[in-house]
């Protein structure tokens, strides 16, 4: 890998659960639903993560949230097909509480 390339950080299960917890707060969900440009909201998520002791910047949080949403969406779509084997994703239960049927992107 070239020296200028930056690898994305590894997210431990605890960090991902904290991120899901922060994103699941009603105030955050309300902000995410109310506008289409969510950079400020994701910045707040990043600050909340730092308060919990996790060093993650806004871009890293945004990318991880999008990855989680996409994984959940794919599992949700796969489960809506007749005769398909049940599909799940990592942290499916936690994400289902937040996203449920609302698959509005971040």
PDB file of N, CA and C in Angstrom:
ATOM      1  N   UNK A   1       0.850  -1.169   0.000  1.00  0.00           N
ATOM      2  CA  UNK A   1       0.000   0.000   0.000  1.00  0.00           C
ATOM      3  C   UNK A   1       0.900   1.237   0.000  1.00  0.00           C
ATOM      4  N   UNK A   2       0.611   2.202  -0.865  1.00  0.00           N
ATOM      5  CA  UNK A   2       1.428   3.416  -0.909  1.00  0.00           C
ATOM      6  C   UNK A   2       1.398   4.149   0.430  1.00  0.00           C
ATOM      7  N   UNK A   3       2.471   4.865   0.754  1.00  0.00           N
ATOM      8  CA  UNK A   3       2.539   5.544   2.053  1.00  0.00           C
ATOM      9  C   UNK A   3       1.474   6.626   2.220  1.00  0.00           C
ATOM     10  N   UNK A   4       0.954   7.188   1.133  1.00  0.00           N
ATOM     11  CA  UNK A   4      -0.046   8.248   1.249  1.00  0.00           C
ATOM     12  C   UNK A   4      -1.463   7.705   1.427  1.00  0.00           C
ATOM     13  N   UNK A   5      -1.656   6.422   1.174  1.00  0.00           N
ATOM     14  CA  UNK A   5      -2.986   5.826   1.317  1.00  0.00           C
ATOM     15  C   UNK A   5      -3.296   5.615   2.798  1.00  0.00           C
ATOM     16  N   UNK A   6      -4.504   5.956   3.173  1.00  0.00           N
ATOM     17  CA  UNK A   6      -4.907   5.823   4.566  1.00  0.00           C
ATOM     18  C   UNK A   6      -5.930   4.698   4.683  1.00  0.00           C
ATOM     19  N   UNK A   7      -5.643   3.745   5.523  1.00  0.00           N
ATOM     20  CA  UNK A   7      -6.571   2.643   5.729  1.00  0.00           C
ATOM     21  C   UNK A   7      -7.635   3.071   6.718  1.00  0.00           C
ATOM     22  N   UNK A   8      -8.818   2.573   6.514  1.00  0.00           N
ATOM     23  CA  UNK A   8      -9.874   2.888   7.468  1.00  0.00           C
ATOM     24  C   UNK A   8      -9.615   2.105   8.756  1.00  0.00           C
ATOM     25  N   UNK A   9      -9.980   2.682   9.875  1.00  0.00           N
ATOM     26  CA  UNK A   9      -9.699   2.023  11.148  1.00  0.00           C
ATOM     27  C   UNK A   9     -10.592   0.805  11.349  1.00  0.00           C
ATOM     28  N   UNK A  10     -10.111  -0.098  12.158  1.00  0.00           N
ATOM     29  CA  UNK A  10     -10.899  -1.276  12.521  1.00  0.00           C
ATOM     30  C   UNK A  10     -11.862  -0.871  13.629  1.00  0.00           C
ATOM     31  N   UNK A  11     -13.112  -1.247  13.462  1.00  0.00           N
ATOM     32  CA  UNK A  11     -14.134  -0.944  14.461  1.00  0.00           C
ATOM     33  C   UNK A  11     -14.379  -2.206  15.291  1.00  0.00           C
ATOM     34  N   UNK A  12     -14.119  -2.127  16.577  1.00  0.00           N
ATOM     35  CA  UNK A  12     -14.412  -3.252  17.458  1.00  0.00           C
ATOM     36  C   UNK A  12     -15.920  -3.348  17.644  1.00  0.00           C
ATOM     37  N   UNK A  13     -16.381  -4.501  18.133  1.00  0.00           N
ATOM     38  CA  UNK A  13     -17.812  -4.679  18.387  1.00  0.00           C
ATOM     39  C   UNK A  13     -18.332  -3.623  19.354  1.00  0.00           C
ATOM     40  N   UNK A  14     -17.539  -3.293  20.366  1.00  0.00           N
ATOM     41  CA  UNK A  14     -17.953  -2.289  21.342  1.00  0.00           C
ATOM     42  C   UNK A  14     -18.119  -0.918  20.716  1.00  0.00           C
ATOM     43  N   UNK A  15     -17.201  -0.561  19.825  1.00  0.00           N
ATOM     44  CA  UNK A  15     -17.288   0.739  19.155  1.00  0.00           C
ATOM     45  C   UNK A  15     -18.508   0.791  18.240  1.00  0.00           C
ATOM     46  N   UNK A  16     -18.767  -0.305  17.535  1.00  0.00           N
ATOM     47  CA  UNK A  16     -19.933  -0.332  16.646  1.00  0.00           C
ATOM     48  C   UNK A  16     -21.218  -0.248  17.466  1.00  0.00           C
ATOM     49  N   UNK A  17     -21.267  -0.960  18.579  1.00  0.00           N
ATOM     50  CA  UNK A  17     -22.465  -0.893  19.427  1.00  0.00           C
ATOM     51  C   UNK A  17     -22.665   0.513  19.993  1.00  0.00           C
ATOM     52  N   UNK A  18     -21.582   1.177  20.371  1.00  0.00           N
ATOM     53  CA  UNK A  18     -21.693   2.566  20.836  1.00  0.00           C
ATOM     54  C   UNK A  18     -22.179   3.477  19.703  1.00  0.00           C
ATOM     55  N   UNK A  19     -21.671   3.268  18.497  1.00  0.00           N
ATOM     56  CA  UNK A  19     -22.116   4.058  17.352  1.00  0.00           C
ATOM     57  C   UNK A  19     -23.606   3.847  17.101  1.00  0.00           C
ATOM     58  N   UNK A  20     -24.046   2.609  17.140  1.00  0.00           N
ATOM     59  CA  UNK A  20     -25.464   2.307  16.945  1.00  0.00           C
ATOM     60  C   UNK A  20     -26.290   2.951  18.051  1.00  0.00           C
ATOM     61  N   UNK A  21     -25.789   2.909  19.266  1.00  0.00           N
ATOM     62  CA  UNK A  21     -26.492   3.521  20.397  1.00  0.00           C
ATOM     63  C   UNK A  21     -26.634   5.028  20.206  1.00  0.00           C
ATOM     64  N   UNK A  22     -25.562   5.684  19.792  1.00  0.00           N
ATOM     65  CA  UNK A  22     -25.598   7.131  19.563  1.00  0.00           C
ATOM     66  C   UNK A  22     -26.573   7.444  18.432  1.00  0.00           C
ATOM     67  N   UNK A  23     -26.488   6.694  17.344  1.00  0.00           N
ATOM     68  CA  UNK A  23     -27.370   6.939  16.198  1.00  0.00           C
ATOM     69  C   UNK A  23     -28.828   6.646  16.523  1.00  0.00           C
ATOM     70  N   UNK A  24     -29.065   5.764  17.478  1.00  0.00           N
ATOM     71  CA  UNK A  24     -30.422   5.387  17.829  1.00  0.00           C
ATOM     72  C   UNK A  24     -31.132   6.366  18.748  1.00  0.00           C
ATOM     73  N   UNK A  25     -30.408   7.331  19.283  1.00  0.00           N
ATOM     74  CA  UNK A  25     -31.040   8.317  20.161  1.00  0.00           C
ATOM     75  C   UNK A  25     -32.097   9.088  19.378  1.00  0.00           C
ATOM     76  N   UNK A  26     -33.214   9.341  20.013  1.00  0.00           N
ATOM     77  CA  UNK A  26     -34.346   9.975  19.333  1.00  0.00           C
ATOM     78  C   UNK A  26     -33.974  11.331  18.732  1.00  0.00           C
ATOM     79  N   UNK A  27     -33.184  12.118  19.439  1.00  0.00           N
ATOM     80  CA  UNK A  27     -32.788  13.432  18.918  1.00  0.00           C
ATOM     81  C   UNK A  27     -31.984  13.290  17.629  1.00  0.00           C
ATOM     82  N   UNK A  28     -31.092  12.314  17.586  1.00  0.00           N
ATOM     83  CA  UNK A  28     -30.277  12.087  16.396  1.00  0.00           C
ATOM     84  C   UNK A  28     -31.161  11.599  15.250  1.00  0.00           C
ATOM     85  N   UNK A  29     -32.050  10.652  15.537  1.00  0.00           N
ATOM     86  CA  UNK A  29     -32.944  10.145  14.505  1.00  0.00           C
ATOM     87  C   UNK A  29     -33.825  11.260  13.940  1.00  0.00           C
ATOM     88  N   UNK A  30     -34.284  12.129  14.803  1.00  0.00           N
ATOM     89  CA  UNK A  30     -35.111  13.246  14.366  1.00  0.00           C
ATOM     90  C   UNK A  30     -34.333  14.168  13.432  1.00  0.00           C
ATOM     91  N   UNK A  31     -33.082  14.460  13.783  1.00  0.00           N
ATOM     92  CA  UNK A  31     -32.237  15.311  12.933  1.00  0.00           C
ATOM     93  C   UNK A  31     -31.964  14.642  11.593  1.00  0.00           C
ATOM     94  N   UNK A  32     -31.719  13.331  11.609  1.00  0.00           N
ATOM     95  CA  UNK A  32     -31.423  12.618  10.376  1.00  0.00           C
ATOM     96  C   UNK A  32     -32.624  12.611   9.435  1.00  0.00           C
ATOM     97  N   UNK A  33     -33.823  12.517   9.995  1.00  0.00           N
ATOM     98  CA  UNK A  33     -35.033  12.511   9.175  1.00  0.00           C
ATOM     99  C   UNK A  33     -35.411  13.899   8.673  1.00  0.00           C
ATOM    100  N   UNK A  34     -34.974  14.944   9.374  1.00  0.00           N
ATOM    101  CA  UNK A  34     -35.454  16.291   9.063  1.00  0.00           C
ATOM    102  C   UNK A  34     -34.714  16.987   7.926  1.00  0.00           C
ATOM    103  N   UNK A  35     -33.517  16.544   7.589  1.00  0.00           N
ATOM    104  CA  UNK A  35     -32.808  17.233   6.503  1.00  0.00           C
ATOM    105  C   UNK A  35     -32.056  16.223   5.650  1.00  0.00           C
ATOM    106  N   UNK A  36     -31.734  16.655   4.437  1.00  0.00           N
ATOM    107  CA  UNK A  36     -31.060  15.738   3.516  1.00  0.00           C
ATOM    108  C   UNK A  36     -29.536  15.836   3.614  1.00  0.00           C
ATOM    109  N   UNK A  37     -29.010  16.933   4.106  1.00  0.00           N
ATOM    110  CA  UNK A  37     -27.566  17.079   4.311  1.00  0.00           C
ATOM    111  C   UNK A  37     -27.295  16.910   5.796  1.00  0.00           C
ATOM    112  N   UNK A  38     -26.666  15.813   6.154  1.00  0.00           N
ATOM    113  CA  UNK A  38     -26.529  15.459   7.560  1.00  0.00           C
ATOM    114  C   UNK A  38     -25.110  15.601   8.097  1.00  0.00           C
ATOM    115  N   UNK A  39     -24.280  16.415   7.471  1.00  0.00           N
ATOM    116  CA  UNK A  39     -22.886  16.525   7.899  1.00  0.00           C
ATOM    117  C   UNK A  39     -22.787  16.999   9.350  1.00  0.00           C
ATOM    118  N   UNK A  40     -23.613  17.980   9.730  1.00  0.00           N
ATOM    119  CA  UNK A  40     -23.572  18.481  11.111  1.00  0.00           C
ATOM    120  C   UNK A  40     -24.016  17.416  12.102  1.00  0.00           C
ATOM    121  N   UNK A  41     -25.026  16.654  11.724  1.00  0.00           N
ATOM    122  CA  UNK A  41     -25.523  15.585  12.598  1.00  0.00           C
ATOM    123  C   UNK A  41     -24.459  14.509  12.775  1.00  0.00           C
ATOM    124  N   UNK A  42     -23.796  14.137  11.697  1.00  0.00           N
ATOM    125  CA  UNK A  42     -22.735  13.128  11.789  1.00  0.00           C
ATOM    126  C   UNK A  42     -21.568  13.682  12.594  1.00  0.00           C
ATOM    127  N   UNK A  43     -21.329  14.975  12.498  1.00  0.00           N
ATOM    128  CA  UNK A  43     -20.297  15.599  13.334  1.00  0.00           C
ATOM    129  C   UNK A  43     -20.643  15.466  14.804  1.00  0.00           C
ATOM    130  N   UNK A  44     -21.903  15.631  15.137  1.00  0.00           N
ATOM    131  CA  UNK A  44     -22.349  15.451  16.521  1.00  0.00           C
ATOM    132  C   UNK A  44     -22.201  13.994  16.954  1.00  0.00           C
ATOM    133  N   UNK A  45     -22.502  13.075  16.058  1.00  0.00           N
ATOM    134  CA  UNK A  45     -22.315  11.646  16.351  1.00  0.00           C
ATOM    135  C   UNK A  45     -20.840  11.391  16.660  1.00  0.00           C
ATOM    136  N   UNK A  46     -19.953  11.970  15.855  1.00  0.00           N
ATOM    137  CA  UNK A  46     -18.516  11.813  16.073  1.00  0.00           C
ATOM    138  C   UNK A  46     -18.108  12.368  17.440  1.00  0.00           C
ATOM    139  N   UNK A  47     -18.627  13.540  17.797  1.00  0.00           N
ATOM    140  CA  UNK A  47     -18.307  14.133  19.110  1.00  0.00           C
ATOM    141  C   UNK A  47     -18.835  13.256  20.245  1.00  0.00           C
ATOM    142  N   UNK A  48     -20.031  12.696  20.071  1.00  0.00           N
ATOM    143  CA  UNK A  48     -20.581  11.793  21.084  1.00  0.00           C
ATOM    144  C   UNK A  48     -19.716  10.542  21.218  1.00  0.00           C
ATOM    145  N   UNK A  49     -19.200  10.054  20.103  1.00  0.00           N
ATOM    146  CA  UNK A  49     -18.307   8.892  20.153  1.00  0.00           C
ATOM    147  C   UNK A  49     -17.023   9.242  20.906  1.00  0.00           C
ATOM    148  N   UNK A  50     -16.502  10.446  20.677  1.00  0.00           N
ATOM    149  CA  UNK A  50     -15.287  10.872  21.385  1.00  0.00           C
ATOM    150  C   UNK A  50     -15.548  10.990  22.880  1.00  0.00           C
ATOM    151  N   UNK A  51     -16.741  11.453  23.258  1.00  0.00           N
ATOM    152  CA  UNK A  51     -17.095  11.528  24.680  1.00  0.00           C
ATOM    153  C   UNK A  51     -17.134  10.144  25.314  1.00  0.00           C
ATOM    154  N   UNK A  52     -17.433   9.141  24.518  1.00  0.00           N
ATOM    155  CA  UNK A  52     -17.459   7.763  25.007  1.00  0.00           C
ATOM    156  C   UNK A  52     -16.080   7.116  24.946  1.00  0.00           C
ATOM    157  N   UNK A  53     -15.079   7.884  24.526  1.00  0.00           N
ATOM    158  CA  UNK A  53     -13.706   7.391  24.528  1.00  0.00           C
ATOM    159  C   UNK A  53     -13.241   6.772  23.225  1.00  0.00           C
ATOM    160  N   UNK A  54     -13.980   6.998  22.131  1.00  0.00           N
ATOM    161  CA  UNK A  54     -13.611   6.436  20.832  1.00  0.00           C
ATOM    162  C   UNK A  54     -13.131   7.554  19.920  1.00  0.00           C
ATOM    163  N   UNK A  55     -11.954   7.392  19.359  1.00  0.00           N
ATOM    164  CA  UNK A  55     -11.363   8.409  18.498  1.00  0.00           C
ATOM    165  C   UNK A  55     -11.784   8.149  17.052  1.00  0.00           C
ATOM    166  N   UNK A  56     -12.931   8.684  16.676  1.00  0.00           N
ATOM    167  CA  UNK A  56     -13.447   8.528  15.318  1.00  0.00           C
ATOM    168  C   UNK A  56     -13.887   9.896  14.794  1.00  0.00           C
ATOM    169  N   UNK A  57     -13.405  10.252  13.609  1.00  0.00           N
ATOM    170  CA  UNK A  57     -13.793  11.543  13.048  1.00  0.00           C
ATOM    171  C   UNK A  57     -15.125  11.428  12.301  1.00  0.00           C
ATOM    172  N   UNK A  58     -15.590  12.558  11.796  1.00  0.00           N
ATOM    173  CA  UNK A  58     -16.896  12.617  11.150  1.00  0.00           C
ATOM    174  C   UNK A  58     -16.969  11.695   9.944  1.00  0.00           C
ATOM    175  N   UNK A  59     -15.958  11.719   9.102  1.00  0.00           N
ATOM    176  CA  UNK A  59     -15.965  10.881   7.905  1.00  0.00           C
ATOM    177  C   UNK A  59     -15.983   9.399   8.260  1.00  0.00           C
ATOM    178  N   UNK A  60     -15.197   8.993   9.251  1.00  0.00           N
ATOM    179  CA  UNK A  60     -15.169   7.591   9.662  1.00  0.00           C
ATOM    180  C   UNK A  60     -16.540   7.148  10.183  1.00  0.00           C
ATOM    181  N   UNK A  61     -17.193   8.004  10.959  1.00  0.00           N
ATOM    182  CA  UNK A  61     -18.524   7.677  11.476  1.00  0.00           C
ATOM    183  C   UNK A  61     -19.532   7.587  10.338  1.00  0.00           C
ATOM    184  N   UNK A  62     -19.468   8.522   9.415  1.00  0.00           N
ATOM    185  CA  UNK A  62     -20.400   8.523   8.282  1.00  0.00           C
ATOM    186  C   UNK A  62     -20.256   7.251   7.459  1.00  0.00           C
ATOM    187  N   UNK A  63     -19.027   6.871   7.167  1.00  0.00           N
ATOM    188  CA  UNK A  63     -18.774   5.667   6.369  1.00  0.00           C
ATOM    189  C   UNK A  63     -19.285   4.428   7.097  1.00  0.00           C
ATOM    190  N   UNK A  64     -19.018   4.330   8.393  1.00  0.00           N
ATOM    191  CA  UNK A  64     -19.441   3.148   9.146  1.00  0.00           C
ATOM    192  C   UNK A  64     -20.962   3.067   9.224  1.00  0.00           C
ATOM    193  N   UNK A  65     -21.622   4.204   9.438  1.00  0.00           N
ATOM    194  CA  UNK A  65     -23.089   4.206   9.499  1.00  0.00           C
ATOM    195  C   UNK A  65     -23.658   3.767   8.155  1.00  0.00           C
ATOM    196  N   UNK A  66     -23.095   4.258   7.066  1.00  0.00           N
ATOM    197  CA  UNK A  66     -23.572   3.861   5.740  1.00  0.00           C
ATOM    198  C   UNK A  66     -23.339   2.373   5.498  1.00  0.00           C
ATOM    199  N   UNK A  67     -22.195   1.847   5.933  1.00  0.00           N
ATOM    200  CA  UNK A  67     -21.923   0.416   5.790  1.00  0.00           C
ATOM    201  C   UNK A  67     -22.957  -0.407   6.550  1.00  0.00           C
ATOM    202  N   UNK A  68     -23.262   0.011   7.774  1.00  0.00           N
ATOM    203  CA  UNK A  68     -24.248  -0.703   8.578  1.00  0.00           C
ATOM    204  C   UNK A  68     -25.635  -0.630   7.942  1.00  0.00           C
ATOM    205  N   UNK A  69     -26.017   0.552   7.462  1.00  0.00           N
ATOM    206  CA  UNK A  69     -27.318   0.701   6.807  1.00  0.00           C
ATOM    207  C   UNK A  69     -27.416  -0.166   5.560  1.00  0.00           C
ATOM    208  N   UNK A  70     -26.364  -0.190   4.767  1.00  0.00           N
ATOM    209  CA  UNK A  70     -26.378  -1.001   3.550  1.00  0.00           C
ATOM    210  C   UNK A  70     -26.477  -2.481   3.860  1.00  0.00           C
ATOM    211  N   UNK A  71     -25.738  -2.943   4.855  1.00  0.00           N
ATOM    212  CA  UNK A  71     -25.801  -4.356   5.240  1.00  0.00           C
ATOM    213  C   UNK A  71     -27.202  -4.708   5.733  1.00  0.00           C
ATOM    214  N   UNK A  72     -27.787  -3.829   6.536  1.00  0.00           N
ATOM    215  CA  UNK A  72     -29.143  -4.066   7.034  1.00  0.00           C
ATOM    216  C   UNK A  72     -30.138  -4.061   5.875  1.00  0.00           C
ATOM    217  N   UNK A  73     -30.012  -3.107   4.972  1.00  0.00           N
ATOM    218  CA  UNK A  73     -30.926  -2.996   3.829  1.00  0.00           C
ATOM    219  C   UNK A  73     -30.862  -4.250   2.967  1.00  0.00           C
ATOM    220  N   UNK A  74     -29.656  -4.748   2.696  1.00  0.00           N
ATOM    221  CA  UNK A  74     -29.509  -5.951   1.875  1.00  0.00           C
ATOM    222  C   UNK A  74     -30.166  -7.150   2.551  1.00  0.00           C
ATOM    223  N   UNK A  75     -29.984  -7.288   3.853  1.00  0.00           N
ATOM    224  CA  UNK A  75     -30.612  -8.393   4.574  1.00  0.00           C
ATOM    225  C   UNK A  75     -32.133  -8.239   4.552  1.00  0.00           C
ATOM    226  N   UNK A  76     -32.605  -7.006   4.735  1.00  0.00           N
ATOM    227  CA  UNK A  76     -34.044  -6.737   4.730  1.00  0.00           C
ATOM    228  C   UNK A  76     -34.645  -7.076   3.364  1.00  0.00           C
ATOM    229  N   UNK A  77     -33.990  -6.670   2.298  1.00  0.00           N
ATOM    230  CA  UNK A  77     -34.474  -6.954   0.945  1.00  0.00           C
ATOM    231  C   UNK A  77     -34.432  -8.445   0.645  1.00  0.00           C
ATOM    232  N   UNK A  78     -33.383  -9.126   1.080  1.00  0.00           N
ATOM    233  CA  UNK A  78     -33.283 -10.570   0.850  1.00  0.00           C
ATOM    234  C   UNK A  78     -34.392 -11.311   1.582  1.00  0.00           C
ATOM    235  N   UNK A  79     -34.768 -10.836   2.751  1.00  0.00           N
ATOM    236  CA  UNK A  79     -35.823 -11.490   3.521  1.00  0.00           C
ATOM    237  C   UNK A  79     -37.211 -11.211   2.960  1.00  0.00           C
ATOM    238  N   UNK A  80     -37.341 -10.190   2.121  1.00  0.00           N
ATOM    239  CA  UNK A  80     -38.656  -9.881   1.562  1.00  0.00           C
ATOM    240  C   UNK A  80     -38.971 -10.723   0.323  1.00  0.00           C
ATOM    241  N   UNK A  81     -37.990 -11.476  -0.173  1.00  0.00           N
ATOM    242  CA  UNK A  81     -38.208 -12.341  -1.334  1.00  0.00           C
ATOM    243  C   UNK A  81     -38.818 -13.664  -0.886  1.00  0.00           C
ATOM    244  N   UNK A  82     -39.822 -14.106  -1.624  1.00  0.00           N
ATOM    245  CA  UNK A  82     -40.461 -15.398  -1.310  1.00  0.00           C
ATOM    246  C   UNK A  82     -39.462 -16.535  -1.482  1.00  0.00           C
ATOM    247  N   UNK A  83     -39.499 -17.463  -0.572  1.00  0.00           N
ATOM    248  CA  UNK A  83     -38.696 -18.665  -0.681  1.00  0.00           C
ATOM    249  C   UNK A  83     -37.211 -18.479  -0.452  1.00  0.00           C
ATOM    250  N   UNK A  84     -36.792 -17.275  -0.132  1.00  0.00           N
ATOM    251  CA  UNK A  84     -35.371 -17.042   0.101  1.00  0.00           C
ATOM    252  C   UNK A  84     -34.994 -17.517   1.506  1.00  0.00           C
ATOM    253  N   UNK A  85     -33.772 -17.963   1.624  1.00  0.00           N
ATOM    254  CA  UNK A  85     -33.282 -18.358   2.945  1.00  0.00           C
ATOM    255  C   UNK A  85     -33.180 -17.106   3.803  1.00  0.00           C
ATOM    256  N   UNK A  86     -33.476 -17.230   5.089  1.00  0.00           N
ATOM    257  CA  UNK A  86     -33.388 -16.046   5.960  1.00  0.00           C
ATOM    258  C   UNK A  86     -31.987 -15.438   5.934  1.00  0.00           C
ATOM    259  N   UNK A  87     -31.946 -14.137   5.796  1.00  0.00           N
ATOM    260  CA  UNK A  87     -30.670 -13.433   5.762  1.00  0.00           C
ATOM    261  C   UNK A  87     -30.569 -12.534   6.994  1.00  0.00           C
ATOM    262  N   UNK A  88     -29.367 -12.299   7.418  1.00  0.00           N
ATOM    263  CA  UNK A  88     -29.126 -11.419   8.551  1.00  0.00           C
ATOM    264  C   UNK A  88     -27.817 -10.670   8.301  1.00  0.00           C
ATOM    265  N   UNK A  89     -27.532  -9.724   9.133  1.00  0.00           N
ATOM    266  CA  UNK A  89     -26.265  -9.008   9.040  1.00  0.00           C
ATOM    267  C   UNK A  89     -25.730  -8.838  10.459  1.00  0.00           C
ATOM    268  N   UNK A  90     -24.482  -8.446  10.536  1.00  0.00           N
ATOM    269  CA  UNK A  90     -23.864  -8.191  11.830  1.00  0.00           C
ATOM    270  C   UNK A  90     -24.635  -7.065  12.516  1.00  0.00           C
ATOM    271  N   UNK A  91     -24.969  -7.240  13.780  1.00  0.00           N
ATOM    272  CA  UNK A  91     -25.719  -6.256  14.569  1.00  0.00           C
ATOM    273  C   UNK A  91     -27.145  -6.059  14.049  1.00  0.00           C
ATOM    274  N   UNK A  92     -27.709  -7.096  13.436  1.00  0.00           N
ATOM    275  CA  UNK A  92     -29.047  -7.000  12.856  1.00  0.00           C
ATOM    276  C   UNK A  92     -30.104  -6.607  13.893  1.00  0.00           C
ATOM    277  N   UNK A  93     -30.064  -7.227  15.054  1.00  0.00           N
ATOM    278  CA  UNK A  93     -31.068  -6.924  16.078  1.00  0.00           C
ATOM    279  C   UNK A  93     -30.997  -5.463  16.511  1.00  0.00           C
ATOM    280  N   UNK A  94     -29.800  -4.963  16.741  1.00  0.00           N
ATOM    281  CA  UNK A  94     -29.635  -3.581  17.173  1.00  0.00           C
ATOM    282  C   UNK A  94     -30.089  -2.602  16.089  1.00  0.00           C
ATOM    283  N   UNK A  95     -29.753  -2.912  14.843  1.00  0.00           N
ATOM    284  CA  UNK A  95     -30.129  -2.040  13.733  1.00  0.00           C
ATOM    285  C   UNK A  95     -31.629  -2.092  13.472  1.00  0.00           C
ATOM    286  N   UNK A  96     -32.224  -3.257  13.679  1.00  0.00           N
ATOM    287  CA  UNK A  96     -33.659  -3.400  13.445  1.00  0.00           C
ATOM    288  C   UNK A  96     -34.465  -2.513  14.386  1.00  0.00           C
ATOM    289  N   UNK A  97     -33.983  -2.340  15.601  1.00  0.00           N
ATOM    290  CA  UNK A  97     -34.655  -1.459  16.557  1.00  0.00           C
ATOM    291  C   UNK A  97     -34.663  -0.024  16.041  1.00  0.00           C
ATOM    292  N   UNK A  98     -33.559   0.402  15.446  1.00  0.00           N
ATOM    293  CA  UNK A  98     -33.441   1.777  14.962  1.00  0.00           C
ATOM    294  C   UNK A  98     -34.088   1.943  13.589  1.00  0.00           C
ATOM    295  N   UNK A  99     -33.698   1.079  12.663  1.00  0.00           N
ATOM    296  CA  UNK A  99     -34.136   1.256  11.284  1.00  0.00           C
ATOM    297  C   UNK A  99     -35.518   0.670  11.016  1.00  0.00           C
ATOM    298  N   UNK A 100     -35.767  -0.517  11.594  1.00  0.00           N
ATOM    299  CA  UNK A 100     -37.052  -1.165  11.348  1.00  0.00           C
ATOM    300  C   UNK A 100     -37.378  -1.131   9.878  1.00  0.00           C
ATOM    301  N   UNK A 101     -38.522  -0.621   9.534  1.00  0.00           N
ATOM    302  CA  UNK A 101     -38.907  -0.505   8.131  1.00  0.00           C
ATOM    303  C   UNK A 101     -38.447   0.816   7.533  1.00  0.00           C
ATOM    304  N   UNK A 102     -37.945   1.725   8.350  1.00  0.00           N
ATOM    305  CA  UNK A 102     -37.504   3.031   7.857  1.00  0.00           C
ATOM    306  C   UNK A 102     -36.072   2.916   7.352  1.00  0.00           C
ATOM    307  N   UNK A 103     -35.924   2.841   6.056  1.00  0.00           N
ATOM    308  CA  UNK A 103     -34.594   2.676   5.463  1.00  0.00           C
ATOM    309  C   UNK A 103     -34.110   3.978   4.833  1.00  0.00           C
ATOM    310  N   UNK A 104     -34.433   5.096   5.463  1.00  0.00           N
ATOM    311  CA  UNK A 104     -33.985   6.395   4.989  1.00  0.00           C
ATOM    312  C   UNK A 104     -32.461   6.466   5.107  1.00  0.00           C
ATOM    313  N   UNK A 105     -31.762   6.792   4.021  1.00  0.00           N
ATOM    314  CA  UNK A 105     -30.291   6.832   4.101  1.00  0.00           C
ATOM    315  C   UNK A 105     -29.794   8.006   4.923  1.00  0.00           C
ATOM    316  N   UNK A 106     -28.606   7.832   5.445  1.00  0.00           N
ATOM    317  CA  UNK A 106     -27.953   8.886   6.222  1.00  0.00           C
ATOM    318  C   UNK A 106     -27.392   9.925   5.291  1.00  0.00           C
TER     319      UNK A 106
END
